[in-house]
Amino acid sequence: MRAVGVSPSVPSAELACWLPLLFGDDDGRAFLRIMRGFELTAAKQRLYLDVIRGRDYPVQVVWGAHDRMLP
């Protein structure tokens, strides 16, 4: 996580807690399915925009401006 920009001020113990969440007890298969599911196509972008437009409830997308993992 440090290699992708997580600040040195975040304690290593806090970063370590993500390992079991990401890799669980399936050797990371679920995590890889999630990561492989990201599609950077115009069609996928339209789908995402269509999902959040025209709702009767508020929608907020939070994204890091300098996110290296999901540009």
PDB file of N, CA and C in Angstrom:
ATOM      1  N   MET A   1       0.829  -1.187   0.000  1.00  0.00           N
ATOM      2  CA  MET A   1       0.000   0.000   0.000  1.00  0.00           C
ATOM      3  C   MET A   1       0.875   1.253   0.000  1.00  0.00           C
ATOM      4  N   ARG A   2       2.007   1.148   0.606  1.00  0.00           N
ATOM      5  CA  ARG A   2       2.908   2.294   0.598  1.00  0.00           C
ATOM      6  C   ARG A   2       3.372   2.584  -0.830  1.00  0.00           C
ATOM      7  N   ALA A   3       3.554   1.541  -1.639  1.00  0.00           N
ATOM      8  CA  ALA A   3       4.035   1.711  -3.013  1.00  0.00           C
ATOM      9  C   ALA A   3       3.045   2.475  -3.883  1.00  0.00           C
ATOM     10  N   VAL A   4       1.780   2.512  -3.482  1.00  0.00           N
ATOM     11  CA  VAL A   4       0.783   3.238  -4.270  1.00  0.00           C
ATOM     12  C   VAL A   4       0.364   4.534  -3.608  1.00  0.00           C
ATOM     13  N   GLY A   5       1.153   4.985  -2.634  1.00  0.00           N
ATOM     14  CA  GLY A   5       0.932   6.323  -2.121  1.00  0.00           C
ATOM     15  C   GLY A   5       0.332   6.451  -0.748  1.00  0.00           C
ATOM     16  N   VAL A   6       0.163   5.361  -0.006  1.00  0.00           N
ATOM     17  CA  VAL A   6      -0.358   5.491   1.352  1.00  0.00           C
ATOM     18  C   VAL A   6       0.711   6.157   2.206  1.00  0.00           C
ATOM     19  N   SER A   7       0.317   7.186   2.893  1.00  0.00           N
ATOM     20  CA  SER A   7       1.218   8.029   3.677  1.00  0.00           C
ATOM     21  C   SER A   7       1.964   7.241   4.749  1.00  0.00           C
ATOM     22  N   PRO A   8       3.208   7.603   4.972  1.00  0.00           N
ATOM     23  CA  PRO A   8       3.960   6.996   6.074  1.00  0.00           C
ATOM     24  C   PRO A   8       3.331   7.274   7.441  1.00  0.00           C
ATOM     25  N   SER A   9       2.458   8.277   7.515  1.00  0.00           N
ATOM     26  CA  SER A   9       1.817   8.577   8.799  1.00  0.00           C
ATOM     27  C   SER A   9       0.757   7.542   9.175  1.00  0.00           C
ATOM     28  N   VAL A  10       0.352   6.707   8.227  1.00  0.00           N
ATOM     29  CA  VAL A  10      -0.594   5.632   8.545  1.00  0.00           C
ATOM     30  C   VAL A  10       0.221   4.489   9.153  1.00  0.00           C
ATOM     31  N   PRO A  11      -0.102   4.098  10.374  1.00  0.00           N
ATOM     32  CA  PRO A  11       0.684   3.054  11.028  1.00  0.00           C
ATOM     33  C   PRO A  11       0.656   1.727  10.258  1.00  0.00           C
ATOM     34  N   SER A  12       1.783   1.048  10.257  1.00  0.00           N
ATOM     35  CA  SER A  12       1.891  -0.237   9.562  1.00  0.00           C
ATOM     36  C   SER A  12       0.869  -1.245  10.072  1.00  0.00           C
ATOM     37  N   ALA A  13       0.569  -1.195  11.351  1.00  0.00           N
ATOM     38  CA  ALA A  13      -0.424  -2.119  11.918  1.00  0.00           C
ATOM     39  C   ALA A  13      -1.794  -1.913  11.273  1.00  0.00           C
ATOM     40  N   GLU A  14      -2.130  -0.673  10.959  1.00  0.00           N
ATOM     41  CA  GLU A  14      -3.409  -0.408  10.305  1.00  0.00           C
ATOM     42  C   GLU A  14      -3.407  -0.923   8.874  1.00  0.00           C
ATOM     43  N   LEU A  15      -2.285  -0.814   8.194  1.00  0.00           N
ATOM     44  CA  LEU A  15      -2.204  -1.361   6.842  1.00  0.00           C
ATOM     45  C   LEU A  15      -2.281  -2.877   6.868  1.00  0.00           C
ATOM     46  N   ALA A  16      -1.664  -3.486   7.851  1.00  0.00           N
ATOM     47  CA  ALA A  16      -1.649  -4.946   7.943  1.00  0.00           C
ATOM     48  C   ALA A  16      -3.038  -5.526   8.136  1.00  0.00           C
ATOM     49  N   CYS A  17      -3.960  -4.762   8.713  1.00  0.00           N
ATOM     50  CA  CYS A  17      -5.302  -5.299   8.949  1.00  0.00           C
ATOM     51  C   CYS A  17      -6.051  -5.550   7.643  1.00  0.00           C
ATOM     52  N   TRP A  18      -5.603  -4.930   6.553  1.00  0.00           N
ATOM     53  CA  TRP A  18      -6.278  -5.130   5.278  1.00  0.00           C
ATOM     54  C   TRP A  18      -5.949  -6.472   4.630  1.00  0.00           C
ATOM     55  N   LEU A  19      -4.820  -7.058   4.980  1.00  0.00           N
ATOM     56  CA  LEU A  19      -4.442  -8.322   4.352  1.00  0.00           C
ATOM     57  C   LEU A  19      -5.504  -9.408   4.511  1.00  0.00           C
ATOM     58  N   PRO A  20      -5.985  -9.672   5.730  1.00  0.00           N
ATOM     59  CA  PRO A  20      -7.024 -10.697   5.844  1.00  0.00           C
ATOM     60  C   PRO A  20      -8.322 -10.307   5.124  1.00  0.00           C
ATOM     61  N   LEU A  21      -8.612  -8.999   5.091  1.00  0.00           N
ATOM     62  CA  LEU A  21      -9.823  -8.562   4.401  1.00  0.00           C
ATOM     63  C   LEU A  21      -9.704  -8.767   2.892  1.00  0.00           C
ATOM     64  N   LEU A  22      -8.534  -8.480   2.338  1.00  0.00           N
ATOM     65  CA  LEU A  22      -8.332  -8.629   0.901  1.00  0.00           C
ATOM     66  C   LEU A  22      -8.182 -10.080   0.473  1.00  0.00           C
ATOM     67  N   PHE A  23      -7.436 -10.829   1.233  1.00  0.00           N
ATOM     68  CA  PHE A  23      -7.104 -12.183   0.800  1.00  0.00           C
ATOM     69  C   PHE A  23      -7.933 -13.252   1.483  1.00  0.00           C
ATOM     70  N   GLY A  24      -8.527 -12.914   2.627  1.00  0.00           N
ATOM     71  CA  GLY A  24      -9.428 -13.829   3.314  1.00  0.00           C
ATOM     72  C   GLY A  24      -8.877 -15.230   3.435  1.00  0.00           C
ATOM     73  N   ASP A  25      -9.779 -16.184   3.413  1.00  0.00           N
ATOM     74  CA  ASP A  25      -9.349 -17.571   3.526  1.00  0.00           C
ATOM     75  C   ASP A  25      -9.528 -18.312   2.200  1.00  0.00           C
ATOM     76  N   ASP A  26      -9.598 -17.526   1.105  1.00  0.00           N
ATOM     77  CA  ASP A  26      -9.703 -18.150  -0.224  1.00  0.00           C
ATOM     78  C   ASP A  26      -8.461 -17.867  -1.074  1.00  0.00           C
ATOM     79  N   ASP A  27      -7.359 -17.512  -0.406  1.00  0.00           N
ATOM     80  CA  ASP A  27      -6.090 -17.197  -1.083  1.00  0.00           C
ATOM     81  C   ASP A  27      -6.210 -16.052  -2.069  1.00  0.00           C
ATOM     82  N   GLY A  28      -7.136 -15.127  -1.826  1.00  0.00           N
ATOM     83  CA  GLY A  28      -7.251 -13.930  -2.649  1.00  0.00           C
ATOM     84  C   GLY A  28      -8.114 -14.068  -3.880  1.00  0.00           C
ATOM     85  N   ARG A  29      -8.792 -15.188  -4.061  1.00  0.00           N
ATOM     86  CA  ARG A  29      -9.614 -15.374  -5.275  1.00  0.00           C
ATOM     87  C   ARG A  29     -10.735 -14.335  -5.383  1.00  0.00           C
ATOM     88  N   ALA A  30     -11.417 -14.047  -4.288  1.00  0.00           N
ATOM     89  CA  ALA A  30     -12.502 -13.065  -4.319  1.00  0.00           C
ATOM     90  C   ALA A  30     -11.958 -11.683  -4.657  1.00  0.00           C
ATOM     91  N   PHE A  31     -10.825 -11.337  -4.069  1.00  0.00           N
ATOM     92  CA  PHE A  31     -10.199 -10.046  -4.347  1.00  0.00           C
ATOM     93  C   PHE A  31      -9.838  -9.928  -5.827  1.00  0.00           C
ATOM     94  N   LEU A  32      -9.252 -10.968  -6.401  1.00  0.00           N
ATOM     95  CA  LEU A  32      -8.895 -10.937  -7.821  1.00  0.00           C
ATOM     96  C   LEU A  32     -10.128 -10.825  -8.707  1.00  0.00           C
ATOM     97  N   ARG A  33     -11.230 -11.466  -8.328  1.00  0.00           N
ATOM     98  CA  ARG A  33     -12.473 -11.327  -9.111  1.00  0.00           C
ATOM     99  C   ARG A  33     -12.931  -9.880  -9.122  1.00  0.00           C
ATOM    100  N   ILE A  34     -12.823  -9.212  -7.977  1.00  0.00           N
ATOM    101  CA  ILE A  34     -13.213  -7.799  -7.905  1.00  0.00           C
ATOM    102  C   ILE A  34     -12.305  -6.961  -8.800  1.00  0.00           C
ATOM    103  N   MET A  35     -10.993  -7.140  -8.665  1.00  0.00           N
ATOM    104  CA  MET A  35     -10.047  -6.335  -9.436  1.00  0.00           C
ATOM    105  C   MET A  35     -10.174  -6.580 -10.932  1.00  0.00           C
ATOM    106  N   ARG A  36     -10.414  -7.800 -11.334  1.00  0.00           N
ATOM    107  CA  ARG A  36     -10.559  -8.104 -12.761  1.00  0.00           C
ATOM    108  C   ARG A  36     -11.886  -7.604 -13.319  1.00  0.00           C
ATOM    109  N   GLY A  37     -12.819  -7.262 -12.428  1.00  0.00           N
ATOM    110  CA  GLY A  37     -14.123  -6.786 -12.858  1.00  0.00           C
ATOM    111  C   GLY A  37     -14.144  -5.319 -13.273  1.00  0.00           C
ATOM    112  N   PHE A  38     -13.066  -4.592 -13.001  1.00  0.00           N
ATOM    113  CA  PHE A  38     -13.020  -3.195 -13.394  1.00  0.00           C
ATOM    114  C   PHE A  38     -12.804  -3.103 -14.904  1.00  0.00           C
ATOM    115  N   GLU A  39     -13.713  -2.451 -15.568  1.00  0.00           N
ATOM    116  CA  GLU A  39     -13.596  -2.257 -17.008  1.00  0.00           C
ATOM    117  C   GLU A  39     -13.463  -0.771 -17.286  1.00  0.00           C
ATOM    118  N   LEU A  40     -12.436  -0.394 -18.003  1.00  0.00           N
ATOM    119  CA  LEU A  40     -12.186   1.012 -18.301  1.00  0.00           C
ATOM    120  C   LEU A  40     -12.632   1.312 -19.727  1.00  0.00           C
ATOM    121  N   THR A  41     -13.911   1.045 -20.016  1.00  0.00           N
ATOM    122  CA  THR A  41     -14.445   1.275 -21.356  1.00  0.00           C
ATOM    123  C   THR A  41     -15.488   2.377 -21.313  1.00  0.00           C
ATOM    124  N   ALA A  42     -15.760   2.963 -22.470  1.00  0.00           N
ATOM    125  CA  ALA A  42     -16.794   4.000 -22.566  1.00  0.00           C
ATOM    126  C   ALA A  42     -18.159   3.421 -22.211  1.00  0.00           C
ATOM    127  N   ALA A  43     -18.411   2.189 -22.613  1.00  0.00           N
ATOM    128  CA  ALA A  43     -19.693   1.552 -22.305  1.00  0.00           C
ATOM    129  C   ALA A  43     -19.876   1.386 -20.801  1.00  0.00           C
ATOM    130  N   LYS A  44     -18.828   0.999 -20.108  1.00  0.00           N
ATOM    131  CA  LYS A  44     -18.924   0.822 -18.649  1.00  0.00           C
ATOM    132  C   LYS A  44     -19.114   2.177 -17.966  1.00  0.00           C
ATOM    133  N   GLN A  45     -18.444   3.209 -18.464  1.00  0.00           N
ATOM    134  CA  GLN A  45     -18.620   4.542 -17.896  1.00  0.00           C
ATOM    135  C   GLN A  45     -20.065   5.007 -18.071  1.00  0.00           C
ATOM    136  N   ARG A  46     -20.644   4.765 -19.246  1.00  0.00           N
ATOM    137  CA  ARG A  46     -22.052   5.132 -19.464  1.00  0.00           C
ATOM    138  C   ARG A  46     -22.963   4.389 -18.500  1.00  0.00           C
ATOM    139  N   LEU A  47     -22.682   3.110 -18.294  1.00  0.00           N
ATOM    140  CA  LEU A  47     -23.484   2.322 -17.364  1.00  0.00           C
ATOM    141  C   LEU A  47     -23.430   2.918 -15.964  1.00  0.00           C
ATOM    142  N   TYR A  48     -22.231   3.235 -15.493  1.00  0.00           N
ATOM    143  CA  TYR A  48     -22.097   3.809 -14.155  1.00  0.00           C
ATOM    144  C   TYR A  48     -22.837   5.138 -14.045  1.00  0.00           C
ATOM    145  N   LEU A  49     -22.707   5.980 -15.067  1.00  0.00           N
ATOM    146  CA  LEU A  49     -23.392   7.271 -15.031  1.00  0.00           C
ATOM    147  C   LEU A  49     -24.908   7.096 -15.066  1.00  0.00           C
ATOM    148  N   ASP A  50     -25.380   6.165 -15.869  1.00  0.00           N
ATOM    149  CA  ASP A  50     -26.825   5.905 -15.932  1.00  0.00           C
ATOM    150  C   ASP A  50     -27.372   5.424 -14.598  1.00  0.00           C
ATOM    151  N   VAL A  51     -26.571   4.658 -13.876  1.00  0.00           N
ATOM    152  CA  VAL A  51     -27.006   4.125 -12.585  1.00  0.00           C
ATOM    153  C   VAL A  51     -27.228   5.246 -11.573  1.00  0.00           C
ATOM    154  N   ILE A  52     -26.382   6.278 -11.596  1.00  0.00           N
ATOM    155  CA  ILE A  52     -26.500   7.319 -10.568  1.00  0.00           C
ATOM    156  C   ILE A  52     -27.352   8.515 -10.998  1.00  0.00           C
ATOM    157  N   ARG A  53     -27.677   8.605 -12.267  1.00  0.00           N
ATOM    158  CA  ARG A  53     -28.496   9.732 -12.731  1.00  0.00           C
ATOM    159  C   ARG A  53     -29.980   9.459 -12.504  1.00  0.00           C
ATOM    160  N   GLY A  54     -30.703  10.513 -12.238  1.00  0.00           N
ATOM    161  CA  GLY A  54     -32.154  10.427 -12.174  1.00  0.00           C
ATOM    162  C   GLY A  54     -32.696   9.637 -11.005  1.00  0.00           C
ATOM    163  N   ARG A  55     -31.997   9.617  -9.905  1.00  0.00           N
ATOM    164  CA  ARG A  55     -32.461   8.904  -8.719  1.00  0.00           C
ATOM    165  C   ARG A  55     -33.295   9.823  -7.846  1.00  0.00           C
ATOM    166  N   ASP A  56     -34.173   9.212  -7.057  1.00  0.00           N
ATOM    167  CA  ASP A  56     -34.997   9.964  -6.113  1.00  0.00           C
ATOM    168  C   ASP A  56     -34.291  10.168  -4.781  1.00  0.00           C
ATOM    169  N   TYR A  57     -33.048   9.787  -4.710  1.00  0.00           N
ATOM    170  CA  TYR A  57     -32.277   9.899  -3.488  1.00  0.00           C
ATOM    171  C   TYR A  57     -30.888  10.425  -3.842  1.00  0.00           C
ATOM    172  N   PRO A  58     -30.207  11.037  -2.891  1.00  0.00           N
ATOM    173  CA  PRO A  58     -28.878  11.589  -3.187  1.00  0.00           C
ATOM    174  C   PRO A  58     -27.854  10.476  -3.425  1.00  0.00           C
ATOM    175  N   VAL A  59     -26.938  10.754  -4.320  1.00  0.00           N
ATOM    176  CA  VAL A  59     -25.840   9.833  -4.621  1.00  0.00           C
ATOM    177  C   VAL A  59     -24.540  10.631  -4.563  1.00  0.00           C
ATOM    178  N   GLN A  60     -23.533  10.063  -3.916  1.00  0.00           N
ATOM    179  CA  GLN A  60     -22.238  10.722  -3.837  1.00  0.00           C
ATOM    180  C   GLN A  60     -21.162   9.712  -4.187  1.00  0.00           C
ATOM    181  N   VAL A  61     -20.251  10.121  -5.053  1.00  0.00           N
ATOM    182  CA  VAL A  61     -19.105   9.294  -5.399  1.00  0.00           C
ATOM    183  C   VAL A  61     -17.874   9.974  -4.824  1.00  0.00           C
ATOM    184  N   VAL A  62     -17.114   9.248  -4.036  1.00  0.00           N
ATOM    185  CA  VAL A  62     -15.905   9.784  -3.431  1.00  0.00           C
ATOM    186  C   VAL A  62     -14.719   9.108  -4.108  1.00  0.00           C
ATOM    187  N   TRP A  63     -13.814   9.924  -4.629  1.00  0.00           N
ATOM    188  CA  TRP A  63     -12.683   9.401  -5.379  1.00  0.00           C
ATOM    189  C   TRP A  63     -11.463  10.241  -5.068  1.00  0.00           C
ATOM    190  N   GLY A  64     -10.336   9.615  -4.919  1.00  0.00           N
ATOM    191  CA  GLY A  64      -9.098  10.352  -4.687  1.00  0.00           C
ATOM    192  C   GLY A  64      -8.574  10.917  -6.000  1.00  0.00           C
ATOM    193  N   ALA A  65      -8.281  12.189  -6.024  1.00  0.00           N
ATOM    194  CA  ALA A  65      -7.802  12.846  -7.241  1.00  0.00           C
ATOM    195  C   ALA A  65      -6.493  12.251  -7.745  1.00  0.00           C
ATOM    196  N   HIS A  66      -5.716  11.690  -6.847  1.00  0.00           N
ATOM    197  CA  HIS A  66      -4.410  11.132  -7.226  1.00  0.00           C
ATOM    198  C   HIS A  66      -4.372   9.620  -7.040  1.00  0.00           C
ATOM    199  N   ASP A  67      -5.513   8.958  -7.138  1.00  0.00           N
ATOM    200  CA  ASP A  67      -5.599   7.512  -6.956  1.00  0.00           C
ATOM    201  C   ASP A  67      -4.848   6.808  -8.072  1.00  0.00           C
ATOM    202  N   ARG A  68      -3.788   6.086  -7.732  1.00  0.00           N
ATOM    203  CA  ARG A  68      -3.000   5.373  -8.734  1.00  0.00           C
ATOM    204  C   ARG A  68      -3.618   4.045  -9.115  1.00  0.00           C
ATOM    205  N   MET A  69      -4.436   3.475  -8.225  1.00  0.00           N
ATOM    206  CA  MET A  69      -5.000   2.160  -8.489  1.00  0.00           C
ATOM    207  C   MET A  69      -6.200   2.232  -9.429  1.00  0.00           C
ATOM    208  N   LEU A  70      -6.993   3.280  -9.298  1.00  0.00           N
ATOM    209  CA  LEU A  70      -8.181   3.445 -10.137  1.00  0.00           C
ATOM    210  C   LEU A  70      -8.158   4.842 -10.747  1.00  0.00           C
ATOM    211  N   PRO A  71      -7.366   5.015 -11.796  1.00  0.00           N
ATOM    212  CA  PRO A  71      -7.227   6.371 -12.365  1.00  0.00           C
ATOM    213  C   PRO A  71      -8.523   6.890 -12.978  1.00  0.00           C
TER     214      PRO A  71
END
